Protein backbone atom coordinates (compact mmCIF):
# COMPACT_ATOMS: atom_id res chain seq x y z
CA MET A 1 -2.59 -20.26 -20.19
CA GLU A 2 -6.41 -19.17 -21.42
CA ARG A 3 -6.63 -15.68 -22.62
CA ARG A 4 -9.72 -14.81 -20.62
CA LYS A 5 -7.93 -16.34 -17.56
CA ALA A 6 -4.74 -14.43 -18.27
CA LEU A 7 -6.69 -11.12 -18.53
CA GLY A 8 -7.72 -11.59 -14.83
CA LEU A 9 -5.05 -13.32 -13.61
CA ILE A 10 -2.18 -12.34 -15.39
CA ALA A 11 0.44 -14.34 -13.76
CA ALA A 12 -1.12 -17.09 -12.00
CA THR A 13 1.40 -16.97 -8.75
CA GLY A 14 -0.92 -17.86 -6.09
CA ALA A 15 -3.26 -15.66 -3.53
CA ALA A 16 -2.02 -13.93 -0.87
CA ALA A 17 -3.85 -12.07 1.65
CA SER A 18 -0.82 -10.20 3.28
CA PHE A 19 0.04 -6.44 2.26
CA THR A 20 3.01 -5.92 0.10
CA ALA A 21 4.35 -2.57 0.22
CA ALA A 22 5.65 -1.36 -3.43
CA PRO A 23 9.63 -1.50 -3.43
CA SER A 24 11.63 2.09 -3.66
CA PHE A 25 13.11 2.64 -6.95
CA GLY A 26 15.88 0.21 -7.92
CA ALA A 27 14.90 -2.30 -4.96
CA GLU A 28 13.98 -5.12 -7.46
CA THR A 29 17.61 -6.39 -8.31
CA GLY A 30 18.97 -9.73 -9.01
CA ARG A 31 15.97 -10.88 -11.45
CA ALA A 32 16.48 -13.84 -13.49
CA ALA A 33 16.80 -14.05 -17.41
CA GLY A 34 13.75 -12.51 -19.03
CA ALA A 35 13.13 -10.41 -16.22
CA ALA A 36 13.06 -6.20 -16.01
CA GLY A 37 15.71 -4.05 -15.90
CA ARG A 38 15.80 -0.66 -15.45
CA GLY A 39 18.91 1.15 -16.85
CA ARG A 40 16.98 3.19 -19.13
CA THR A 41 14.73 4.60 -17.02
CA ALA A 42 17.15 5.70 -14.11
CA ALA A 43 19.24 7.26 -16.85
CA LYS A 44 16.15 9.24 -17.63
CA GLY A 45 15.83 10.36 -14.30
CA GLY A 46 13.09 7.96 -13.33
CA TYR A 47 10.99 8.79 -16.53
CA THR A 48 10.56 6.13 -19.45
CA PHE A 49 11.23 8.85 -22.13
CA ALA A 50 13.69 11.55 -22.51
CA LEU A 51 12.38 15.22 -22.10
CA ASP A 52 12.45 16.98 -25.62
CA PRO A 53 14.97 20.16 -25.19
CA ASN A 54 11.89 22.12 -26.18
CA VAL A 55 9.72 21.43 -23.27
CA LYS A 56 9.97 22.67 -19.70
CA ARG A 57 8.77 20.29 -16.79
CA THR A 58 7.46 21.17 -13.61
CA SER A 59 6.63 18.75 -10.53
CA VAL A 60 3.34 20.30 -9.41
CA ARG A 61 0.43 19.50 -6.64
CA PHE A 62 -3.16 20.19 -6.46
CA LYS A 63 -5.92 19.03 -4.45
CA ASN A 64 -9.36 17.41 -5.79
CA ARG A 65 -12.87 18.18 -4.13
CA TYR A 66 -12.39 15.27 -1.67
CA GLY A 67 -8.98 17.24 -0.13
CA ILE A 68 -6.62 14.47 -1.70
CA GLU A 69 -3.26 15.85 -2.99
CA VAL A 70 -2.75 14.80 -6.48
CA ALA A 71 0.68 15.04 -7.82
CA ALA A 72 1.09 15.85 -11.24
CA ASP A 73 4.30 17.11 -13.93
CA LEU A 74 3.36 20.38 -15.95
CA TYR A 75 4.87 20.26 -19.58
CA VAL A 76 5.41 23.93 -20.93
CA PRO A 77 6.84 24.30 -24.06
CA LYS A 78 9.36 26.95 -23.91
CA LYS A 79 8.52 29.14 -26.75
CA GLY A 80 4.70 29.07 -26.03
CA ARG A 81 3.40 32.73 -26.33
CA GLY A 82 0.04 34.13 -25.09
CA LYS A 83 -2.92 32.06 -24.02
CA LEU A 84 -2.46 28.52 -25.08
CA PRO A 85 -4.66 25.31 -25.02
CA ALA A 86 -3.89 22.88 -22.50
CA LEU A 87 -4.48 19.12 -22.08
CA VAL A 88 -5.16 17.09 -18.76
CA VAL A 89 -3.59 13.17 -19.48
CA SER A 90 -3.27 10.31 -17.36
CA GLY A 91 -3.42 6.36 -17.15
CA PRO A 92 -2.75 3.76 -18.08
CA PHE A 93 -4.50 1.80 -14.79
CA GLY A 94 -1.78 1.07 -12.65
CA ALA A 95 0.79 3.43 -14.28
CA VAL A 96 2.54 6.49 -13.23
CA LYS A 97 3.02 9.84 -14.82
CA GLU A 98 6.17 8.89 -15.54
CA GLN A 99 5.53 5.94 -17.95
CA SER A 100 3.09 6.47 -20.57
CA SER A 101 0.83 9.18 -19.76
CA GLY A 102 4.18 11.56 -19.52
CA LEU A 103 5.18 10.66 -22.71
CA TYR A 104 2.07 11.66 -24.24
CA ALA A 105 2.16 15.09 -22.36
CA ASN A 106 5.83 15.37 -23.29
CA GLU A 107 4.65 15.09 -26.90
CA PHE A 108 1.68 17.53 -27.22
CA ALA A 109 3.59 20.36 -25.01
CA ARG A 110 6.36 19.97 -27.76
CA ARG A 111 3.55 20.63 -30.28
CA GLY A 112 2.46 23.49 -28.22
CA TYR A 113 0.11 22.70 -26.08
CA VAL A 114 0.38 22.97 -22.00
CA THR A 115 0.07 19.68 -20.50
CA LEU A 116 -0.61 17.94 -17.22
CA ALA A 117 -0.01 14.50 -16.48
CA PHE A 118 -0.96 13.23 -13.29
CA ASP A 119 -1.12 9.91 -10.75
CA PRO A 120 -4.57 9.09 -9.90
CA SER A 121 -5.29 9.28 -6.27
CA PHE A 122 -3.92 6.91 -3.92
CA THR A 123 -1.19 5.93 -6.36
CA GLY A 124 2.32 6.89 -7.48
CA GLU A 125 3.23 10.46 -5.60
CA SER A 126 -0.21 11.40 -5.22
CA GLY A 127 -1.94 11.38 -1.30
CA GLY A 128 -4.49 9.18 -0.38
CA MET A 129 -4.70 6.19 2.32
CA VAL A 130 -4.79 2.97 1.55
CA ARG A 131 -2.33 2.98 -0.94
CA ASP A 132 -2.88 1.84 -4.37
CA VAL A 133 -6.71 1.39 -4.12
CA ALA A 134 -8.78 2.30 -7.03
CA SER A 135 -12.09 4.15 -6.94
CA PRO A 136 -13.84 5.23 -10.48
CA ASP A 137 -15.77 7.89 -8.48
CA ILE A 138 -12.45 9.54 -7.24
CA TYR A 139 -10.53 8.93 -10.62
CA THR A 140 -12.94 10.89 -12.38
CA GLU A 141 -12.80 13.55 -10.06
CA ASP A 142 -9.26 13.67 -10.73
CA TYR A 143 -9.71 14.86 -13.90
CA SER A 144 -11.95 17.88 -12.99
CA ALA A 145 -9.43 18.89 -10.45
CA ALA A 146 -6.58 18.99 -13.17
CA VAL A 147 -8.55 20.79 -15.21
CA ASP A 148 -9.19 23.28 -12.06
CA PHE A 149 -5.47 23.52 -11.97
CA LEU A 150 -4.96 24.04 -15.61
CA GLY A 151 -7.53 26.86 -15.77
CA LEU A 152 -5.68 28.64 -13.04
CA GLN A 153 -2.26 28.85 -14.95
CA LYS A 154 -1.72 32.49 -16.74
CA ILE A 155 -0.56 30.73 -19.67
CA VAL A 156 -3.72 28.63 -20.22
CA ASP A 157 -6.52 29.68 -21.79
CA ARG A 158 -9.49 27.86 -19.99
CA GLU A 159 -11.66 28.08 -22.72
CA ARG A 160 -9.50 25.26 -24.58
CA ILE A 161 -9.10 22.55 -22.25
CA GLY A 162 -9.37 18.83 -23.16
CA ALA A 163 -8.39 15.21 -22.14
CA GLN A 164 -5.97 12.70 -23.33
CA ALA A 165 -6.20 9.85 -21.45
CA ILE A 166 -4.49 6.21 -22.20
CA CYS A 167 -5.61 2.45 -21.41
CA GLY A 168 -8.00 2.10 -17.73
CA LEU A 169 -8.06 5.92 -17.31
CA SER A 170 -9.85 6.51 -20.10
CA GLY A 171 -13.27 5.60 -19.05
CA MET A 172 -12.61 7.77 -16.52
CA ALA A 173 -11.89 10.83 -18.49
CA LEU A 174 -15.00 10.28 -20.78
CA THR A 175 -17.12 9.96 -17.46
CA ALA A 176 -15.38 13.28 -16.20
CA ALA A 177 -16.09 15.11 -19.40
CA ALA A 178 -19.90 13.81 -19.63
CA ALA A 179 -20.41 15.72 -16.17
CA ASP A 180 -18.00 18.57 -16.61
CA SER A 181 -18.28 20.81 -20.04
CA ARG A 182 -15.02 22.97 -19.08
CA ILE A 183 -13.55 19.66 -21.10
CA LYS A 184 -13.92 20.66 -24.33
CA ALA A 185 -13.02 17.83 -26.21
CA VAL A 186 -11.78 14.00 -25.19
CA ALA A 187 -9.11 11.59 -26.89
CA THR A 188 -8.09 7.89 -25.52
CA ALA A 189 -5.59 5.38 -26.53
CA SER A 190 -6.23 1.77 -25.89
CA MET A 191 -9.13 2.52 -24.19
CA TYR A 192 -10.61 0.07 -21.30
CA ASP A 193 -14.05 0.68 -19.70
CA MET A 194 -13.09 -0.94 -16.14
CA SER A 195 -15.78 -1.02 -14.58
CA ARG A 196 -17.06 -3.15 -17.46
CA SER A 197 -13.68 -5.32 -17.49
CA ILE A 198 -13.42 -5.66 -13.52
CA SER A 199 -17.21 -6.36 -12.63
CA ARG A 200 -17.73 -8.37 -16.35
CA GLY A 201 -14.56 -9.83 -17.36
CA HIS A 202 -13.24 -9.47 -20.72
CA GLU A 203 -15.67 -9.57 -23.61
CA ASP A 204 -18.17 -9.89 -20.76
CA TYR A 205 -17.34 -13.32 -20.12
CA TYR A 206 -18.62 -13.76 -16.39
CA THR A 207 -21.68 -15.62 -16.22
CA ARG A 208 -23.90 -14.62 -13.81
CA GLU A 209 -22.73 -17.38 -11.21
CA GLN A 210 -19.15 -16.12 -11.71
CA ARG A 211 -20.20 -12.85 -10.95
CA GLN A 212 -22.04 -13.69 -7.68
CA LYS A 213 -18.66 -15.81 -6.76
CA VAL A 214 -16.54 -12.68 -7.49
CA VAL A 215 -18.86 -10.32 -5.23
CA ASP A 216 -18.25 -13.30 -2.47
CA HIS A 217 -15.04 -13.34 -2.67
CA LEU A 218 -14.73 -9.56 -2.15
CA SER A 219 -16.69 -9.81 0.78
CA ARG A 220 -15.09 -12.80 2.21
CA GLN A 221 -11.78 -10.39 1.57
CA ARG A 222 -13.49 -7.64 3.08
CA TRP A 223 -13.78 -9.76 6.67
CA ILE A 224 -10.10 -11.15 6.08
CA ASP A 225 -8.88 -7.17 5.96
CA ALA A 226 -10.83 -6.31 9.06
CA GLU A 227 -9.38 -8.95 10.82
CA ASN A 228 -6.16 -8.39 9.86
CA GLY A 229 -6.34 -4.62 10.39
CA THR A 230 -4.38 -4.42 6.64
CA TYR A 231 -5.48 -4.70 3.15
CA ALA A 232 -4.29 -7.41 0.90
CA ARG A 233 -3.22 -7.40 -2.69
CA LEU A 234 -5.04 -9.21 -4.95
CA SER A 235 -5.92 -9.38 -8.80
CA HIS A 236 -8.32 -6.56 -9.66
CA GLU A 237 -9.88 -8.46 -12.49
CA VAL A 238 -10.57 -11.88 -11.04
CA PRO A 239 -9.88 -15.04 -12.69
CA PHE A 240 -11.20 -18.27 -12.10
CA ASP A 241 -9.24 -21.76 -12.19
CA GLU A 242 -10.01 -25.09 -14.01
CA ASN A 243 -12.44 -26.23 -11.30
CA GLY A 244 -14.47 -22.77 -11.46
CA ASN A 245 -13.21 -21.18 -8.40
CA VAL A 246 -12.07 -17.48 -8.03
CA ALA A 247 -8.04 -17.65 -8.21
CA PRO A 248 -6.71 -14.30 -7.56
CA SER A 249 -2.73 -13.57 -7.71
CA ASN A 250 -0.88 -11.17 -5.33
CA ARG A 251 0.65 -9.40 -8.67
CA VAL A 252 -0.32 -7.86 -11.54
CA LEU A 253 2.66 -9.26 -13.35
CA PRO A 254 4.89 -11.76 -12.89
CA LYS A 255 8.43 -11.16 -12.09
CA THR A 256 9.97 -13.23 -14.72
CA LEU A 257 7.91 -14.20 -17.74
CA PRO A 258 7.07 -17.96 -17.88
CA ALA A 259 7.52 -19.83 -21.23
CA ASP A 260 4.21 -20.92 -22.01
CA ALA A 261 2.95 -17.03 -20.78
CA ASP A 262 -0.21 -15.98 -23.23
CA PRO A 263 -0.08 -13.06 -25.69
CA VAL A 264 -1.61 -10.90 -23.34
CA THR A 265 0.54 -11.18 -20.97
CA LYS A 266 3.72 -10.97 -23.00
CA ILE A 267 2.93 -7.54 -24.34
CA PHE A 268 1.93 -6.14 -20.93
CA PHE A 269 5.34 -7.59 -19.29
CA ASP A 270 7.00 -6.35 -22.30
CA TYR A 271 6.14 -2.89 -21.07
CA TYR A 272 5.82 -2.70 -17.76
CA ARG A 273 8.62 -5.53 -16.58
CA THR A 274 11.24 -4.31 -18.66
CA GLU A 275 13.66 -1.11 -19.24
CA ARG A 276 10.69 -0.14 -21.67
CA GLY A 277 8.60 0.90 -19.42
CA TYR A 278 9.21 -0.35 -15.75
CA HIS A 279 9.01 2.16 -12.74
CA PRO A 280 9.06 1.29 -9.28
CA ARG A 281 6.08 3.32 -8.24
CA SER A 282 4.19 1.45 -11.04
CA ILE A 283 1.84 -1.03 -9.20
CA ASN A 284 1.31 -3.00 -12.89
CA SER A 285 5.54 -3.08 -12.64
CA THR A 286 5.97 -4.09 -8.86
CA THR A 287 2.61 -5.10 -7.02
CA ALA A 288 -1.36 -5.51 -7.08
CA TRP A 289 -3.93 -3.36 -6.33
CA THR A 290 -5.77 -3.68 -2.94
CA GLY A 291 -7.49 -6.92 -3.05
CA THR A 292 -11.02 -5.22 -2.38
CA THR A 293 -10.49 -2.55 -5.11
CA PRO A 294 -13.21 -4.11 -7.61
CA MET A 295 -16.01 -3.57 -5.16
CA SER A 296 -16.67 0.01 -6.41
CA PHE A 297 -16.19 -0.75 -9.84
CA PHE A 298 -18.69 -3.14 -9.33
CA ALA A 299 -20.94 -0.23 -7.74
CA PHE A 300 -19.70 2.77 -9.80
CA PRO A 301 -20.66 1.88 -13.97
CA LEU A 302 -18.52 4.40 -16.01
CA MET A 303 -20.21 6.32 -19.48
CA THR A 304 -23.48 5.39 -18.36
CA ASN A 305 -23.99 9.28 -19.28
CA ILE A 306 -22.02 9.47 -22.41
CA ASP A 307 -24.71 11.39 -24.11
CA MET A 308 -23.95 14.16 -22.29
CA LEU A 309 -20.82 14.87 -24.07
CA ALA A 310 -22.43 16.21 -27.26
CA PRO A 311 -22.03 18.40 -28.99
CA ARG A 312 -18.33 18.24 -28.13
CA LYS A 313 -16.38 15.38 -29.19
CA ALA A 314 -14.57 12.40 -28.71
CA LEU A 315 -11.81 10.46 -30.59
CA LEU A 316 -11.06 6.93 -29.68
CA VAL A 317 -7.85 5.31 -31.09
CA ALA A 318 -7.20 1.44 -31.02
CA GLY A 319 -4.73 -0.94 -32.62
CA ALA A 320 -6.03 -3.28 -34.55
CA ASP A 321 -4.70 -6.37 -33.27
CA ALA A 322 -5.60 -5.10 -29.52
CA HIS A 323 -7.43 -7.44 -27.24
CA SER A 324 -9.02 -4.08 -25.92
CA ARG A 325 -10.68 -2.78 -29.54
CA TYR A 326 -14.18 -4.12 -28.58
CA TYR A 327 -14.37 -1.00 -25.97
CA SER A 328 -13.83 1.66 -28.33
CA GLU A 329 -15.89 0.15 -31.00
CA ASP A 330 -18.62 -0.16 -28.36
CA VAL A 331 -18.52 3.42 -27.14
CA GLN A 332 -18.21 4.46 -30.33
CA ALA A 333 -21.61 2.88 -31.87
CA LYS A 334 -23.16 4.37 -28.53
CA ALA A 335 -22.70 7.72 -29.76
CA PRO A 336 -21.58 7.78 -33.39
CA GLY A 337 -22.18 11.30 -33.61
CA THR A 338 -19.96 12.36 -30.83
CA VAL A 339 -17.20 9.51 -31.03
CA ASP A 340 -15.12 9.09 -33.91
CA LEU A 341 -12.82 5.90 -34.08
CA VAL A 342 -9.32 5.57 -35.23
CA ILE A 343 -8.12 1.99 -35.73
CA VAL A 344 -4.09 1.74 -36.07
CA PRO A 345 -3.26 -1.02 -38.59
CA GLY A 346 -0.32 -3.43 -36.87
CA ALA A 347 -0.82 -2.13 -33.62
CA ASP A 348 -1.53 -4.13 -30.31
CA HIS A 349 -3.05 -2.75 -27.06
CA VAL A 350 0.28 -1.68 -25.21
CA ASP A 351 1.78 -0.40 -28.63
CA LEU A 352 0.01 2.50 -28.29
CA TYR A 353 1.63 3.14 -24.82
CA ASP A 354 4.91 4.49 -26.52
CA ARG A 355 5.12 3.67 -29.78
CA LYS A 356 5.48 6.91 -31.51
CA ASP A 357 6.02 5.23 -34.98
CA LEU A 358 2.32 3.80 -34.15
CA ILE A 359 0.70 6.47 -32.09
CA PRO A 360 -1.13 8.70 -34.64
CA PHE A 361 -0.08 12.01 -32.84
CA ASP A 362 -0.52 14.09 -36.10
CA ARG A 363 -4.13 12.86 -35.96
CA LEU A 364 -4.61 13.65 -32.36
CA ASP A 365 -2.86 16.89 -32.79
CA GLU A 366 -5.58 17.71 -35.55
CA PHE A 367 -8.14 16.61 -33.51
CA PHE A 368 -7.56 19.13 -30.51
CA THR A 369 -6.62 22.02 -32.50
CA GLU A 370 -10.03 21.66 -34.42
CA ASN A 371 -12.19 21.14 -31.11
CA LEU A 372 -10.16 23.38 -29.11
CA ALA A 373 -10.41 26.11 -31.37
């Protein structure tokens, strides 16, 4: 499969216009060889990582300014004393707090930060209807709402709050920081600009004609959803077939990995569809976004006001072998005095989700220590 097609249609399983509910935990059973298991995840209470013994985790809820209840896990170092620095953590796009963001929150809490890993609105355990619809505006707001929550905690120094984002929630974190000066520093890992990716394709490959075809596809889907009274699950990054027609899928990832799967599909599958990172509430693990989700990403460009981040700083971490590396490089080029870039040798995009031997936590800790001083 051609690489760019794979990034929009990770698995060519065919279009579907019916609503598909995410299965309950453990509902997907009896997968064929090469499919996911959930043994480690289930053994860890539904989390894809083990909680550090020096960290306390508490399930919490708070509301954003749209009134949507956001579900989160608060991580606190057990030996923390006085007012501590704090970090808001979320991502990747289509993941939940029990996956990569929780792993990052757990690690930073081990190092002395109060951290908050949250499920974006409409996803995971967070509120909001319709389920599994994405909004760059509301997701950006979720970061600021998380800052509200952290700043009200007695153990948190509200003058030392930062954000750590992974993959597709990184653009929202940078956008939030540009508009909310309470966020004193931002770091990202495997950053994706979802507005750019969804509206222009990987490496901006969509032609003007293809962009119009995507808009027409989304517009037709609005009629279908209105007539059916429900919401289809379809590709959020719309691919094209060999005849130049839009070819959406009803899953982000296939149930089983095809023998001829491209490298990008393989790395995502290896995380979301295996015991390494599978979670039943993760859209990427089980289903797809609502089919009209891309409309708001055409309408809402992220990071337009990145210049407003200064004099605060950002640190972007990308794998040397990541297909997404160019997003971080382009943001750093736009704001070289504000944004620093760290390239991790030997790492691909997904390695920075959970490979603690590759994620430069020491460098990230150093960055936040300096910029949340």
